Amino acid sequence: MLSEVVGAVSEIQKEATNSVRTPCFNHKLNLSIAQSNKVICIRNAVGTMKECIRFFDASAKRQRVLKQKLGRGLSGLCETRWIERHDGVLQFSVDLPKILETLETISSWADSATSSKANLLCNSITDSFFLVSLLCLSDILSLTLPLSKMLQKKNLGLDEASSVVSNLRSVVGQRRSDAEQHFDDIWKKAEELASSVDTELKPPRPGGVESKETEQIMLLSLHSLTFELYIPLLDHVLLDLKERFSSEVLGCFHLPSLLPVHISGKSPTILKEKSKLFANKFHHILPSDDVILTERLLLGELTMWQAKWSSCSSVVDGAGAELPLSSLDTLKACDPEVYPLIHTLLSFLTTLPVSNATAERSFSVLRRLKSWLRTTMKQDRLNGLALMHIHRADLSYSWIDKIIDRFAKKGKRLIDLTVE
């Protein structure tokens, strides 16, 4: 697909010169977070959590004991549903004391296989490297969770998603610059977590007699070792975010600069630069194919467009209202007869894809609709049912009575089923 010679992307770009390859934002974010597995301690910590979850899921009796202590089961670490993965890791770090208490209870059972496995898990989840790695991973996932939830929305514009991704990149970059300070906070949380499970942060014991001085040296050594795993974790995630979310994709072809919040207060020089940029890039798909003419028309529309929102903002702000922030709201407020070129450009911005989460919902719907009892269903009926199920929140229910009446009046019946 990405081959420069016969790849689908290169072939499409030969015909559509303005096209830019931008896979689903959801998948790109998930792949960036998955780079955390390149850090060995993080990968081992995730493996330990999975083992613990499988241990409880494998037995109804263990689940019952866990629910008595915790009040519910453990959240899974799904490989595809990354919102669940976020919740699973973050919830595991909070529930760790109760999980350890449950494992200690199970370790006293008479079944040697079960009790020994519970003992091994107790030792694993109280290991110092596991505790610090768990909190380091939770630190990253707490930043990416809001964006992961946002990318599941149905009505999401590329400008809004790109803005949040840019904010995430800057926050992770700032965290990398102040890594030592942030890691000190993580270390304090790890000490509190270790205290809550009656253990201490310390590396594996060396040979020989221990003293207070050696314990202090070991603690400093552990701090430096775990700090060394936190920096690669940030580096892997940040570098992958920059590679997958390029400035060209996040810039959305500079189209977000047409939004009222961005165009207000811009100087005439900047408006002239924007009109030239848009004319050079989009002139062949705008009504006028001439670059110079398109540039002049755009400059006039941008000037009037800026004046419209500058005058409205002074009046609107006094009334307590706000300017339209999203591309869809701005498009609705744009008169296509007064601003035809801007309306066309805003249409591009509004329809640019963000993710394929909406399209993938059809796969789950198909599994529910195409059951063994509906194997003879034709394609037209299946398409209709799928669309009604996916967009059921957008449908009004006044059509149900019409369907019932139409069905009742169709064909000859001994009983009149219509209700007047």
Protein backbone atom coordinates (compact mmCIF):
# COMPACT_ATOMS: atom_id res chain seq x y z
CA MET A 1 0.00 0.00 0.00
CA LEU A 2 2.84 2.41 0.82
CA SER A 3 5.19 1.37 -1.98
CA GLU A 4 6.47 4.38 -3.92
CA VAL A 5 6.39 2.37 -7.16
CA VAL A 6 3.10 0.44 -7.17
CA GLY A 7 1.55 1.41 -3.84
CA ALA A 8 -2.09 2.45 -3.65
CA VAL A 9 -1.19 5.70 -1.91
CA SER A 10 1.25 6.80 -4.60
CA GLU A 11 -1.20 5.88 -7.38
CA ILE A 12 -3.97 7.94 -5.78
CA GLN A 13 -1.67 10.89 -5.22
CA LYS A 14 -0.75 10.92 -8.91
CA GLU A 15 -4.37 11.77 -9.73
CA ALA A 16 -5.32 13.66 -6.57
CA THR A 17 -2.29 15.90 -6.02
CA ASN A 18 -3.75 17.46 -2.84
CA SER A 19 -4.34 14.14 -1.12
CA VAL A 20 -2.35 13.29 2.00
CA ARG A 21 -2.16 9.83 3.54
CA THR A 22 -3.63 10.02 7.02
CA PRO A 23 -4.72 6.71 8.57
CA CYS A 24 -7.33 6.57 11.30
CA PHE A 25 -6.35 8.78 14.23
CA ASN A 26 -7.51 6.06 16.61
CA HIS A 27 -5.17 3.47 15.16
CA LYS A 28 -2.27 5.91 15.04
CA LEU A 29 -2.73 6.84 18.69
CA ASN A 30 -2.96 3.18 19.72
CA LEU A 31 0.22 2.34 17.79
CA SER A 32 2.03 5.25 19.43
CA ILE A 33 1.02 4.08 22.91
CA ALA A 34 2.04 0.54 21.97
CA GLN A 35 5.62 1.80 21.66
CA SER A 36 5.71 1.65 25.46
CA ASN A 37 6.19 -2.13 25.11
CA LYS A 38 9.70 -1.47 23.81
CA VAL A 39 10.67 -0.70 27.41
CA ILE A 40 11.30 -4.12 28.98
CA CYS A 41 10.02 -3.22 32.46
CA ILE A 42 6.78 -1.82 31.02
CA ARG A 43 6.28 -4.93 28.89
CA ASN A 44 6.89 -7.17 31.90
CA ALA A 45 4.46 -5.15 34.02
CA VAL A 46 1.71 -5.45 31.38
CA GLY A 47 2.40 -9.20 31.17
CA THR A 48 2.06 -9.51 34.95
CA MET A 49 -1.29 -7.66 34.89
CA LYS A 50 -2.56 -9.98 32.15
CA GLU A 51 -1.50 -13.03 34.15
CA CYS A 52 -3.33 -11.70 37.19
CA ILE A 53 -6.51 -11.03 35.20
CA ARG A 54 -6.39 -14.49 33.60
CA PHE A 55 -5.85 -16.06 37.01
CA PHE A 56 -9.14 -14.64 38.31
CA ASP A 57 -11.07 -15.18 35.07
CA ALA A 58 -10.14 -18.87 34.98
CA SER A 59 -12.19 -19.74 38.07
CA ALA A 60 -15.63 -18.69 39.25
CA LYS A 61 -14.57 -19.37 42.83
CA ARG A 62 -11.62 -16.95 42.56
CA GLN A 63 -13.89 -14.38 40.94
CA ARG A 64 -16.32 -14.68 43.82
CA VAL A 65 -13.56 -14.04 46.37
CA LEU A 66 -12.31 -11.07 44.34
CA LYS A 67 -15.79 -9.55 44.15
CA GLN A 68 -16.18 -9.95 47.91
CA LYS A 69 -13.00 -7.93 48.45
CA LEU A 70 -13.23 -5.50 45.51
CA GLY A 71 -16.95 -5.41 44.78
CA ARG A 72 -16.47 -6.27 41.08
CA GLY A 73 -14.16 -8.05 38.67
CA LEU A 74 -10.98 -6.73 37.07
CA SER A 75 -11.12 -4.71 33.86
CA GLY A 76 -9.50 -6.52 30.94
CA LEU A 77 -6.52 -5.29 28.91
CA CYS A 78 -8.12 -5.57 25.48
CA GLU A 79 -5.65 -5.47 22.57
CA THR A 80 -8.05 -3.67 20.23
CA ARG A 81 -10.34 -1.58 22.45
CA TRP A 82 -7.79 0.82 23.81
CA ILE A 83 -10.24 2.74 25.97
CA GLU A 84 -10.70 -0.48 27.94
CA ARG A 85 -6.92 -0.89 28.04
CA HIS A 86 -6.59 2.61 29.51
CA ASP A 87 -9.27 1.90 32.10
CA GLY A 88 -7.79 -1.52 32.88
CA VAL A 89 -4.30 -0.24 33.66
CA LEU A 90 -5.47 2.82 35.59
CA GLN A 91 -8.00 0.81 37.58
CA PHE A 92 -5.44 -1.92 38.34
CA SER A 93 -3.11 0.65 39.92
CA VAL A 94 -5.95 1.88 42.15
CA ASP A 95 -7.22 -1.59 43.11
CA LEU A 96 -3.79 -3.10 43.75
CA PRO A 97 -4.14 -3.32 47.59
CA LYS A 98 -7.48 -5.17 47.30
CA ILE A 99 -6.08 -7.45 44.58
CA LEU A 100 -3.11 -8.32 46.78
CA GLU A 101 -5.42 -9.00 49.73
CA THR A 102 -7.45 -11.38 47.57
CA LEU A 103 -4.35 -13.20 46.34
CA GLU A 104 -3.11 -13.63 49.92
CA THR A 105 -6.47 -15.17 50.83
CA ILE A 106 -6.29 -17.58 47.88
CA SER A 107 -2.68 -18.49 48.71
CA SER A 108 -3.91 -20.12 51.95
CA TRP A 109 -6.19 -22.56 50.11
CA ALA A 110 -5.57 -26.29 50.25
CA ASP A 111 -5.21 -26.58 46.48
CA SER A 112 -1.43 -26.47 46.02
CA ALA A 113 -1.51 -25.43 42.35
CA THR A 114 -3.84 -22.50 42.99
CA SER A 115 -2.14 -21.36 46.18
CA SER A 116 1.35 -21.48 44.64
CA LYS A 117 0.19 -19.50 41.61
CA ALA A 118 -1.38 -16.92 43.93
CA ASN A 119 1.91 -16.71 45.88
CA LEU A 120 3.86 -16.09 42.67
CA LEU A 121 1.47 -13.33 41.65
CA CYS A 122 1.75 -11.74 45.11
CA ASN A 123 5.51 -11.59 44.72
CA SER A 124 5.23 -10.23 41.19
CA ILE A 125 2.82 -7.38 41.91
CA THR A 126 4.75 -6.27 45.00
CA ASP A 127 8.04 -6.14 43.11
CA SER A 128 9.55 -2.64 43.11
CA PHE A 129 10.08 -2.56 39.36
CA PHE A 130 6.47 -3.59 38.78
CA LEU A 131 5.11 -0.85 41.05
CA VAL A 132 7.18 1.91 39.46
CA SER A 133 6.53 0.62 35.92
CA LEU A 134 2.79 0.46 36.60
CA LEU A 135 2.71 4.08 37.76
CA CYS A 136 4.93 5.24 34.87
CA LEU A 137 2.56 3.63 32.38
CA SER A 138 -0.46 5.06 34.22
CA ASP A 139 1.15 8.50 33.96
CA ILE A 140 1.21 8.25 30.15
CA LEU A 141 -2.23 6.66 29.81
CA SER A 142 -3.83 9.35 31.97
CA LEU A 143 -2.77 11.84 29.27
CA THR A 144 -3.93 9.79 26.28
CA LEU A 145 -7.25 8.60 27.75
CA PRO A 146 -9.21 11.85 27.02
CA LEU A 147 -8.02 11.85 23.40
CA SER A 148 -8.83 8.14 22.99
CA LYS A 149 -12.38 8.77 24.22
CA MET A 150 -12.73 11.86 22.04
CA LEU A 151 -11.77 9.94 18.89
CA GLN A 152 -14.76 7.62 19.45
CA LYS A 153 -17.25 10.46 18.96
CA LYS A 154 -19.50 10.41 15.91
CA ASN A 155 -19.52 14.14 15.21
CA LEU A 156 -15.85 15.04 15.35
CA GLY A 157 -14.07 17.46 13.06
CA LEU A 158 -10.47 17.12 11.98
CA ASP A 159 -9.69 20.61 13.25
CA GLU A 160 -10.87 19.73 16.78
CA ALA A 161 -9.05 16.38 16.81
CA SER A 162 -5.84 17.93 15.45
CA SER A 163 -5.92 20.60 18.13
CA VAL A 164 -6.17 18.01 20.92
CA VAL A 165 -3.40 15.87 19.35
CA SER A 166 -1.15 18.94 19.16
CA ASN A 167 -1.87 19.63 22.83
CA LEU A 168 -1.01 16.02 23.70
CA ARG A 169 2.30 16.26 21.83
CA SER A 170 3.21 19.47 23.61
CA VAL A 171 2.27 18.06 27.05
CA VAL A 172 4.30 14.88 26.51
CA GLY A 173 7.18 16.98 25.20
CA GLN A 174 7.03 19.21 28.27
CA ARG A 175 6.93 16.13 30.48
CA ARG A 176 10.05 14.86 28.72
CA SER A 177 11.82 18.19 29.35
CA ASP A 178 10.89 18.05 33.05
CA ALA A 179 11.28 14.29 33.33
CA GLU A 180 13.21 14.36 36.60
CA GLN A 181 10.61 16.49 38.35
CA HIS A 182 7.68 14.39 37.11
CA PHE A 183 9.45 11.16 37.98
CA ASP A 184 9.96 12.38 41.56
CA ASP A 185 6.16 12.66 41.83
CA ILE A 186 5.79 9.16 40.41
CA TRP A 187 8.38 7.89 42.89
CA LYS A 188 6.44 9.38 45.81
CA LYS A 189 3.25 7.71 44.56
CA ALA A 190 5.14 4.43 44.24
CA GLU A 191 6.33 4.73 47.84
CA GLU A 192 2.77 5.38 48.99
CA LEU A 193 1.51 2.42 46.95
CA ALA A 194 4.24 0.18 48.35
CA SER A 195 3.33 1.29 51.86
CA SER A 196 -0.34 0.45 51.24
CA VAL A 197 0.60 -3.13 50.33
CA ASP A 198 3.06 -3.51 53.25
CA THR A 199 6.23 -3.61 51.18
CA GLU A 200 9.19 -1.36 50.43
CA LEU A 201 10.76 -0.09 47.25
CA LYS A 202 14.06 -1.90 46.95
CA PRO A 203 15.95 -3.80 44.24
CA PRO A 204 16.84 -7.52 44.54
CA ARG A 205 19.01 -8.19 47.56
CA PRO A 206 22.75 -8.42 46.90
CA GLY A 207 24.94 -10.98 48.60
CA GLY A 208 26.56 -10.20 51.95
CA VAL A 209 25.46 -8.43 55.09
CA GLU A 210 23.09 -5.48 54.66
CA SER A 211 23.33 -2.26 56.61
CA LYS A 212 21.49 1.03 56.59
CA GLU A 213 24.11 2.48 54.26
CA THR A 214 23.76 -0.36 51.77
CA GLU A 215 19.98 -0.08 51.91
CA GLN A 216 20.23 3.63 51.14
CA ILE A 217 22.60 2.94 48.24
CA MET A 218 20.23 0.26 46.94
CA LEU A 219 17.31 2.68 47.14
CA LEU A 220 19.23 5.34 45.20
CA SER A 221 20.24 2.70 42.67
CA LEU A 222 16.61 1.66 42.23
CA HIS A 223 15.59 5.31 41.79
CA SER A 224 18.17 5.81 39.04
CA LEU A 225 17.29 2.53 37.31
CA THR A 226 13.58 3.25 37.23
CA PHE A 227 14.25 6.84 36.13
CA GLU A 228 16.15 5.36 33.20
CA LEU A 229 13.05 3.40 32.18
CA TYR A 230 10.77 6.46 32.44
CA ILE A 231 12.81 8.51 29.95
CA PRO A 232 12.81 5.83 27.18
CA LEU A 233 9.08 5.41 27.75
CA LEU A 234 8.49 9.10 27.07
CA ASP A 235 10.94 9.10 24.16
CA HIS A 236 9.31 6.15 22.39
CA VAL A 237 5.79 7.53 22.72
CA LEU A 238 6.72 11.12 21.84
CA LEU A 239 8.81 10.17 18.80
CA ASP A 240 6.06 7.94 17.43
CA LEU A 241 3.43 10.65 17.99
CA LYS A 242 5.53 13.10 15.98
CA GLU A 243 6.04 10.60 13.16
CA ARG A 244 2.42 9.49 12.85
CA PHE A 245 0.80 12.88 13.44
CA SER A 246 2.82 15.02 11.06
CA SER A 247 2.46 18.79 10.95
CA GLU A 248 0.89 18.52 7.47
CA VAL A 249 -1.90 16.31 8.78
CA LEU A 250 -2.45 18.30 11.97
CA GLY A 251 -2.44 21.53 9.97
CA CYS A 252 -5.48 20.32 7.98
CA PHE A 253 -4.13 22.21 4.92
CA HIS A 254 -4.29 25.45 6.99
CA LEU A 255 -8.09 25.37 6.68
CA PRO A 256 -8.74 25.89 10.44
CA SER A 257 -7.44 29.45 9.98
CA LEU A 258 -10.84 30.21 8.42
CA LEU A 259 -12.62 29.68 11.74
CA PRO A 260 -13.83 32.89 13.41
CA VAL A 261 -11.70 32.38 16.52
CA HIS A 262 -8.56 32.21 14.36
CA ILE A 263 -9.25 34.85 11.74
CA SER A 264 -10.29 37.65 14.10
CA GLY A 265 -7.57 40.25 14.60
CA LYS A 266 -5.36 39.05 11.73
CA SER A 267 -3.47 41.75 9.83
CA PRO A 268 -4.08 42.44 6.10
CA THR A 269 -0.66 40.95 5.33
CA ILE A 270 -1.61 37.62 6.91
CA LEU A 271 -4.93 37.59 5.04
CA LYS A 272 -3.07 38.15 1.80
CA GLU A 273 -0.71 35.27 2.58
CA LYS A 274 -3.67 32.98 3.40
CA SER A 275 -5.49 33.87 0.19
CA LYS A 276 -2.35 33.14 -1.84
CA LEU A 277 -1.79 29.83 -0.05
CA PHE A 278 -5.39 28.66 -0.56
CA ALA A 279 -5.40 29.80 -4.20
CA ASN A 280 -2.21 27.89 -5.03
CA LYS A 281 -3.41 24.72 -3.32
CA PHE A 282 -7.12 24.60 -4.17
CA HIS A 283 -7.55 26.70 -7.33
CA HIS A 284 -8.20 23.69 -9.59
CA ILE A 285 -11.11 22.48 -7.42
CA LEU A 286 -12.61 25.92 -6.78
CA PRO A 287 -15.14 27.52 -9.17
CA SER A 288 -12.45 29.69 -10.78
CA ASP A 289 -9.47 27.71 -12.08
CA ASP A 290 -7.28 30.79 -12.53
CA VAL A 291 -4.80 31.19 -9.65
CA ILE A 292 -4.56 34.98 -9.73
CA LEU A 293 -8.32 35.49 -10.00
CA THR A 294 -8.95 32.97 -7.19
CA GLU A 295 -6.41 34.73 -4.99
CA ARG A 296 -8.07 38.11 -5.49
CA LEU A 297 -11.56 36.74 -4.89
CA LEU A 298 -10.38 34.93 -1.75
CA LEU A 299 -8.68 38.06 -0.42
CA GLY A 300 -11.93 39.99 -0.80
CA GLU A 301 -13.98 37.27 0.89
CA LEU A 302 -11.46 36.86 3.71
CA THR A 303 -11.50 40.59 4.37
CA MET A 304 -15.30 40.65 4.56
CA TRP A 305 -15.30 37.38 6.52
CA GLN A 306 -12.96 38.87 9.11
CA ALA A 307 -15.04 42.06 9.34
CA LYS A 308 -18.20 39.98 9.84
CA TRP A 309 -16.85 38.14 12.87
CA SER A 310 -14.96 41.13 14.27
CA SER A 311 -18.18 43.16 14.38
CA CYS A 312 -20.17 40.21 15.67
CA SER A 313 -17.69 39.41 18.43
CA SER A 314 -17.97 42.86 20.02
CA VAL A 315 -21.78 42.66 20.02
CA VAL A 316 -22.02 38.94 20.76
CA ASP A 317 -19.54 38.99 23.61
CA GLY A 318 -21.56 41.70 25.31
CA ALA A 319 -24.63 39.46 25.12
CA GLY A 320 -22.76 36.55 26.66
CA ALA A 321 -22.70 34.33 23.55
CA GLU A 322 -19.66 32.84 21.87
CA LEU A 323 -18.32 32.63 18.33
CA PRO A 324 -18.70 29.27 16.54
CA LEU A 325 -15.73 27.09 17.42
CA SER A 326 -16.24 23.98 15.30
CA SER A 327 -16.01 23.78 11.53
CA LEU A 328 -19.58 22.46 11.29
CA ASP A 329 -21.06 25.40 13.21
CA THR A 330 -18.99 27.81 11.16
CA LEU A 331 -20.17 26.19 7.93
CA LYS A 332 -23.79 26.59 8.99
CA ALA A 333 -23.16 30.29 9.69
CA CYS A 334 -21.46 30.84 6.30
CA ASP A 335 -23.75 32.13 3.54
CA PRO A 336 -22.74 30.32 0.30
CA GLU A 337 -24.00 33.20 -1.85
CA VAL A 338 -22.00 35.86 -0.03
CA TYR A 339 -18.86 33.75 0.66
CA PRO A 340 -18.87 30.99 -2.01
CA LEU A 341 -15.13 30.23 -1.90
CA ILE A 342 -14.93 30.23 1.91
CA HIS A 343 -18.05 28.04 2.04
CA THR A 344 -16.35 25.54 -0.28
CA LEU A 345 -13.16 25.51 1.79
CA LEU A 346 -15.13 25.07 5.03
CA SER A 347 -16.94 22.15 3.38
CA PHE A 348 -13.54 20.54 2.77
CA LEU A 349 -12.56 21.07 6.39
CA THR A 350 -15.85 19.69 7.74
CA THR A 351 -15.75 16.51 5.64
CA LEU A 352 -12.09 15.61 6.18
CA PRO A 353 -12.00 12.19 7.92
CA VAL A 354 -10.65 11.76 11.42
CA SER A 355 -11.08 8.05 12.15
CA ASN A 356 -12.99 5.02 10.93
CA ALA A 357 -14.57 4.34 14.31
CA THR A 358 -18.04 5.03 12.89
CA ALA A 359 -17.47 2.65 9.97
CA GLU A 360 -16.18 -0.08 12.26
CA ARG A 361 -19.37 0.08 14.32
CA SER A 362 -21.07 -1.64 11.38
CA PHE A 363 -18.97 -4.78 12.05
CA SER A 364 -20.39 -5.13 15.55
CA VAL A 365 -23.89 -4.40 14.28
CA LEU A 366 -23.56 -7.05 11.56
CA ARG A 367 -22.70 -9.70 14.12
CA ARG A 368 -25.92 -8.94 16.00
CA LEU A 369 -28.15 -8.69 12.92
CA LYS A 370 -26.85 -11.49 10.71
CA SER A 371 -27.67 -14.30 13.13
CA TRP A 372 -28.47 -17.97 12.44
CA LEU A 373 -32.18 -17.12 12.50
CA ARG A 374 -31.73 -14.56 9.70
CA THR A 375 -29.61 -16.47 7.22
CA THR A 376 -32.12 -15.96 4.40
CA MET A 377 -32.17 -12.17 4.79
CA LYS A 378 -31.54 -10.29 1.53
CA GLN A 379 -28.97 -7.51 1.18
CA ASP A 380 -31.49 -4.64 0.96
CA ARG A 381 -33.19 -5.61 4.19
CA LEU A 382 -29.85 -6.15 5.94
CA ASN A 383 -28.61 -2.70 4.85
CA GLY A 384 -31.82 -1.08 6.05
CA LEU A 385 -31.74 -2.76 9.46
CA ALA A 386 -28.05 -1.97 9.91
CA LEU A 387 -28.55 1.74 9.12
CA MET A 388 -31.55 1.95 11.45
CA HIS A 389 -29.58 0.28 14.24
CA ILE A 390 -26.42 2.40 13.82
CA HIS A 391 -28.30 5.70 13.56
CA ARG A 392 -31.15 4.85 15.92
CA ALA A 393 -30.39 7.87 18.12
CA ASP A 394 -30.94 10.20 15.13
CA LEU A 395 -34.29 8.72 14.10
CA SER A 396 -37.67 9.93 15.20
CA TYR A 397 -40.18 7.22 16.10
CA SER A 398 -43.21 8.70 14.31
CA TRP A 399 -42.58 6.36 11.38
CA ILE A 400 -43.43 3.25 13.41
CA ASP A 401 -47.20 3.86 13.18
CA LYS A 402 -46.88 4.44 9.44
CA ILE A 403 -45.08 1.12 8.98
CA ILE A 404 -47.74 -0.72 11.00
CA ASP A 405 -50.57 0.85 8.97
CA ARG A 406 -48.81 0.07 5.70
CA PHE A 407 -48.33 -3.55 6.74
CA ALA A 408 -51.95 -3.85 7.90
CA LYS A 409 -53.39 -2.45 4.66
CA LYS A 410 -51.23 -4.62 2.42
CA GLY A 411 -53.13 -7.63 1.07
CA LYS A 412 -56.58 -8.96 1.88
CA ARG A 413 -57.22 -9.80 5.51
CA LEU A 414 -60.24 -11.15 7.37
CA ILE A 415 -59.66 -8.68 10.22
CA ASP A 416 -59.04 -4.97 9.85
CA LEU A 417 -55.80 -4.35 11.78
CA THR A 418 -55.73 -0.57 11.35
CA VAL A 419 -56.66 1.64 14.27
CA GLU A 420 -58.37 4.92 13.38
